[in-house]
Protein backbone atom coordinates (compact mmCIF):
# COMPACT_ATOMS: atom_id res chain seq x y z
CA MET A 1 -32.35 -5.31 26.94
CA LYS A 2 -30.34 -5.72 23.24
CA GLU A 3 -32.05 -8.07 20.99
CA ILE A 4 -30.14 -10.31 18.61
CA LYS A 5 -31.97 -12.56 15.84
CA ILE A 6 -30.01 -14.95 14.51
CA THR A 7 -31.58 -17.49 11.48
CA LEU A 8 -30.45 -20.71 10.79
CA ASN A 9 -31.49 -22.07 7.63
CA PHE A 10 -31.15 -26.12 7.03
CA SER A 11 -32.81 -26.49 3.63
CA ASN A 12 -31.86 -29.26 1.75
CA MET A 13 -28.81 -30.18 3.53
CA LYS A 14 -27.76 -33.40 3.29
CA TYR A 15 -24.92 -33.87 5.33
CA PRO A 16 -23.83 -33.35 8.71
CA ALA A 17 -20.48 -30.78 7.69
CA GLN A 18 -23.14 -28.69 6.33
CA LEU A 19 -24.90 -28.28 9.66
CA HIS A 20 -22.13 -27.62 11.38
CA LYS A 21 -20.55 -25.05 8.94
CA GLU A 22 -24.11 -23.34 8.95
CA LEU A 23 -23.62 -23.60 13.00
CA LYS A 24 -20.35 -21.87 12.95
CA THR A 25 -21.13 -18.86 10.76
CA LYS A 26 -24.39 -17.77 11.88
CA PHE A 27 -23.25 -18.29 15.79
CA ASN A 28 -19.66 -16.85 14.89
CA PHE A 29 -18.29 -19.73 16.66
CA PRO A 30 -14.36 -19.81 16.75
CA ASP A 31 -11.92 -21.93 14.57
CA TYR A 32 -11.48 -24.27 17.07
CA TYR A 33 -15.60 -25.22 17.09
CA GLY A 34 -15.55 -29.20 17.06
CA GLU A 35 -18.47 -29.99 14.73
CA ASN A 36 -20.27 -32.01 17.02
CA TRP A 37 -22.97 -31.84 19.69
CA ASP A 38 -20.46 -31.77 22.87
CA ALA A 39 -18.76 -28.37 20.98
CA LEU A 40 -22.22 -26.99 20.08
CA TRP A 41 -23.05 -27.23 23.79
CA ASP A 42 -19.59 -25.96 25.08
CA CYS A 43 -19.79 -22.88 22.25
CA LEU A 44 -23.82 -21.89 23.17
CA ASP A 45 -23.57 -22.31 26.93
CA GLY A 46 -23.00 -18.96 28.49
CA TRP A 47 -22.10 -17.46 25.17
CA TYR A 48 -24.41 -15.09 25.99
CA ASP A 49 -25.11 -12.11 28.25
CA GLU A 50 -27.88 -12.13 30.40
CA ASP A 51 -28.86 -8.59 28.95
CA GLU A 52 -29.26 -9.92 25.57
CA SER A 53 -32.54 -11.24 24.27
CA VAL A 54 -31.81 -14.11 21.75
CA ILE A 55 -33.88 -15.40 19.28
CA VAL A 56 -32.69 -18.32 17.17
CA GLU A 57 -35.25 -19.19 13.93
CA ILE A 58 -34.72 -22.59 12.74
CA ARG A 59 -35.86 -22.64 8.64
CA GLY A 60 -35.74 -25.86 6.54
CA LEU A 61 -35.59 -28.54 8.38
CA ASP A 62 -38.39 -30.33 6.48
CA THR A 63 -36.69 -29.84 3.53
CA MET A 64 -33.73 -32.55 4.64
CA PRO A 65 -33.38 -36.24 3.85
CA ASP A 66 -34.47 -38.48 6.36
CA ASP A 67 -31.46 -39.48 8.02
CA MET A 68 -30.22 -35.69 8.69
CA ARG A 69 -33.46 -34.86 10.27
CA ARG A 70 -32.69 -38.18 12.64
CA TYR A 71 -29.03 -36.47 13.19
CA ALA A 72 -30.34 -32.96 13.80
CA GLN A 73 -32.58 -34.19 16.34
CA THR A 74 -29.99 -34.07 19.01
CA MET A 75 -29.03 -30.52 18.21
CA LEU A 76 -32.62 -29.88 18.93
CA LYS A 77 -31.76 -31.39 22.42
CA VAL A 78 -29.06 -29.53 22.67
CA PHE A 79 -30.80 -25.83 22.23
CA ASP A 80 -34.05 -27.13 24.54
CA ASP A 81 -30.66 -27.50 27.19
CA VAL A 82 -29.37 -23.83 26.35
CA HIS A 83 -32.72 -22.65 26.73
CA SER A 84 -33.20 -24.22 29.97
CA ASN A 85 -29.81 -22.71 31.08
CA SER A 86 -30.34 -19.52 29.49
CA PRO A 87 -34.31 -18.75 29.41
CA ASN A 88 -32.99 -15.72 27.47
CA VAL A 89 -31.67 -17.89 24.40
CA LYS A 90 -34.88 -18.92 22.49
CA PHE A 91 -35.58 -21.36 19.62
CA GLU A 92 -38.24 -21.28 17.42
CA ILE A 93 -38.74 -23.80 14.35
CA LYS A 94 -40.37 -22.19 11.25
């Protein structure tokens, strides 16, 4: 099984656009990525093959301002849903 490791670094991010840029870049999303939670789900759901093991490390959430941490909670919910549908994709908060 092929293993893929992706590190998302949200250290000191203050704006949603910064967060979505990190997601788009690290996940190599297409240009049409809509920079919203529905688009995140659409791009991640079924994105990886079943013969791939994907580990996504999430860093820097604790350094974000309170309003951004609240905003990111929906992202974490999307990640939980993705893992439920694709158990080979794991998200780890570091």
